[in-house]
Protein backbone atom coordinates (compact mmCIF):
# COMPACT_ATOMS: atom_id res chain seq x y z
CA MET A 1 28.85 9.80 5.94
CA SER A 2 26.01 7.45 5.79
CA LYS A 3 22.97 8.10 3.56
CA SER A 4 20.24 9.51 5.87
CA THR A 5 16.56 9.12 4.83
CA ALA A 6 16.29 12.87 4.16
CA GLU A 7 18.74 12.56 1.21
CA GLN A 8 16.62 9.94 -0.49
CA THR A 9 14.52 12.07 -2.84
CA GLU A 10 13.90 9.51 -5.69
CA PRO A 11 12.28 6.03 -5.71
CA ILE A 12 14.82 3.23 -5.50
CA HIS A 13 14.27 0.37 -7.92
CA VAL A 14 14.43 -2.87 -6.03
CA GLU A 15 16.71 -5.54 -7.62
CA ASP A 16 15.62 -8.62 -5.63
CA ALA A 17 14.15 -9.91 -2.36
CA ASP A 18 17.40 -9.33 -0.39
CA HIS A 19 17.70 -5.77 -1.68
CA LEU A 20 14.08 -5.14 -0.41
CA SER A 21 14.80 -6.58 3.06
CA GLU A 22 17.86 -4.56 3.33
CA LEU A 23 16.27 -1.28 2.49
CA VAL A 24 13.24 -1.91 4.75
CA GLU A 25 15.57 -2.67 7.66
CA GLU A 26 17.90 0.28 6.99
CA HIS A 27 15.22 3.00 6.97
CA ALA A 28 12.88 4.13 9.61
CA VAL A 29 9.81 4.59 7.20
CA VAL A 30 9.59 2.77 3.87
CA LEU A 31 6.87 2.91 1.13
CA VAL A 32 7.06 0.06 -1.29
CA ASP A 33 5.17 0.58 -4.68
CA TYR A 34 4.44 -2.72 -6.36
CA TYR A 35 3.83 -1.83 -10.02
CA ALA A 36 3.79 -3.18 -13.58
CA ASP A 37 4.62 -1.25 -16.80
CA TRP A 38 1.37 -2.39 -18.40
CA CYS A 39 -0.72 -1.18 -15.52
CA GLY A 40 -2.66 2.05 -16.24
CA PRO A 41 -3.35 2.88 -12.58
CA CYS A 42 0.30 2.36 -11.80
CA LYS A 43 1.18 5.07 -14.37
CA MET A 44 -1.45 7.42 -12.79
CA LEU A 45 0.15 6.80 -9.27
CA GLU A 46 3.71 7.12 -10.40
CA PRO A 47 4.01 10.97 -10.17
CA THR A 48 2.30 10.93 -6.67
CA VAL A 49 4.79 8.32 -5.43
CA GLU A 50 7.75 10.38 -6.81
CA GLU A 51 6.44 13.48 -5.09
CA VAL A 52 6.14 11.57 -1.80
CA ALA A 53 9.77 10.36 -2.29
CA ALA A 54 10.83 13.98 -2.75
CA GLU A 55 8.69 15.59 -0.02
CA THR A 56 8.69 13.24 2.89
CA ASP A 57 11.22 11.37 5.03
CA ALA A 58 10.01 8.05 3.77
CA VAL A 59 12.30 6.05 1.42
CA VAL A 60 10.24 4.95 -1.50
CA LEU A 61 10.95 1.66 -3.27
CA LYS A 62 9.55 0.51 -6.60
CA VAL A 63 9.03 -3.21 -7.32
CA ASP A 64 8.29 -4.24 -10.85
CA ILE A 65 6.11 -7.34 -10.30
CA ASP A 66 6.83 -8.65 -13.80
CA GLU A 67 10.53 -8.47 -13.26
CA LEU A 68 10.33 -9.82 -9.62
CA GLN A 69 7.45 -12.18 -9.93
CA GLU A 70 8.64 -14.54 -7.20
CA LEU A 71 9.06 -11.64 -4.77
CA ALA A 72 5.48 -10.43 -5.59
CA GLN A 73 4.12 -13.89 -5.05
CA GLU A 74 5.90 -14.21 -1.66
CA ARG A 75 4.52 -10.90 -0.60
CA GLY A 76 1.03 -11.90 -1.65
CA ILE A 77 0.66 -9.08 -4.25
CA GLN A 78 -2.38 -9.85 -6.33
CA SER A 79 -3.25 -6.62 -7.95
CA VAL A 80 -1.21 -3.54 -8.80
CA PRO A 81 -0.66 -0.88 -7.75
CA THR A 82 -0.15 -2.18 -4.25
CA LEU A 83 1.48 0.09 -1.56
CA GLU A 84 3.08 -1.32 1.43
CA PHE A 85 4.27 0.95 4.36
CA TYR A 86 6.96 -0.19 6.79
CA ALA A 87 7.95 1.46 10.04
CA ASN A 88 11.21 0.28 11.67
CA GLY A 89 11.31 -2.92 9.59
CA GLU A 90 7.69 -4.03 10.27
CA GLN A 91 4.94 -3.82 7.79
CA ALA A 92 2.43 -1.23 9.07
CA GLU A 93 -0.10 -0.81 6.23
CA ARG A 94 -1.05 -2.06 2.81
CA LEU A 95 -3.15 -0.03 0.27
CA ILE A 96 -4.40 -1.29 -3.14
CA GLY A 97 -5.20 0.89 -6.10
CA VAL A 98 -4.52 4.54 -6.92
CA GLN A 99 -4.18 6.56 -3.73
CA ASP A 100 -4.53 10.28 -2.88
CA LYS A 101 -1.21 11.96 -2.15
CA ALA A 102 -2.51 13.50 1.08
CA ASN A 103 -3.53 9.98 2.28
CA LEU A 104 0.03 8.60 1.60
CA VAL A 105 1.69 11.55 3.30
CA GLU A 106 -0.59 11.27 6.26
CA ILE A 107 0.19 7.59 6.75
CA ILE A 108 3.92 8.39 6.48
CA GLU A 109 3.65 11.18 9.05
CA ASN A 110 1.73 8.91 11.42
CA LEU A 111 4.52 6.26 11.07
CA SER A 112 7.39 8.80 11.47
């Protein structure tokens, strides 16, 4: 049985650029959370991102920009938290800063 998006209830920690690409291509709707452990707003956003992972069909990915500096640079991430939304492998939206859960859920629903 293949893993359906509905089963993915927790954020996935991205290992590298290939891992990110694979996950974005495998799932219909993906939310990527670029964060850093030292970032206060990232910590504030974390419970929201976890709820979005648990309550929506989107697959949520976490990218530690310190661990994956090259990937963050390639993606043009200049401040954290940055959230990227993908639909069917294509980037659909990018938000910077702490976001309201309702806003995130609405974007995911619009992309689903």
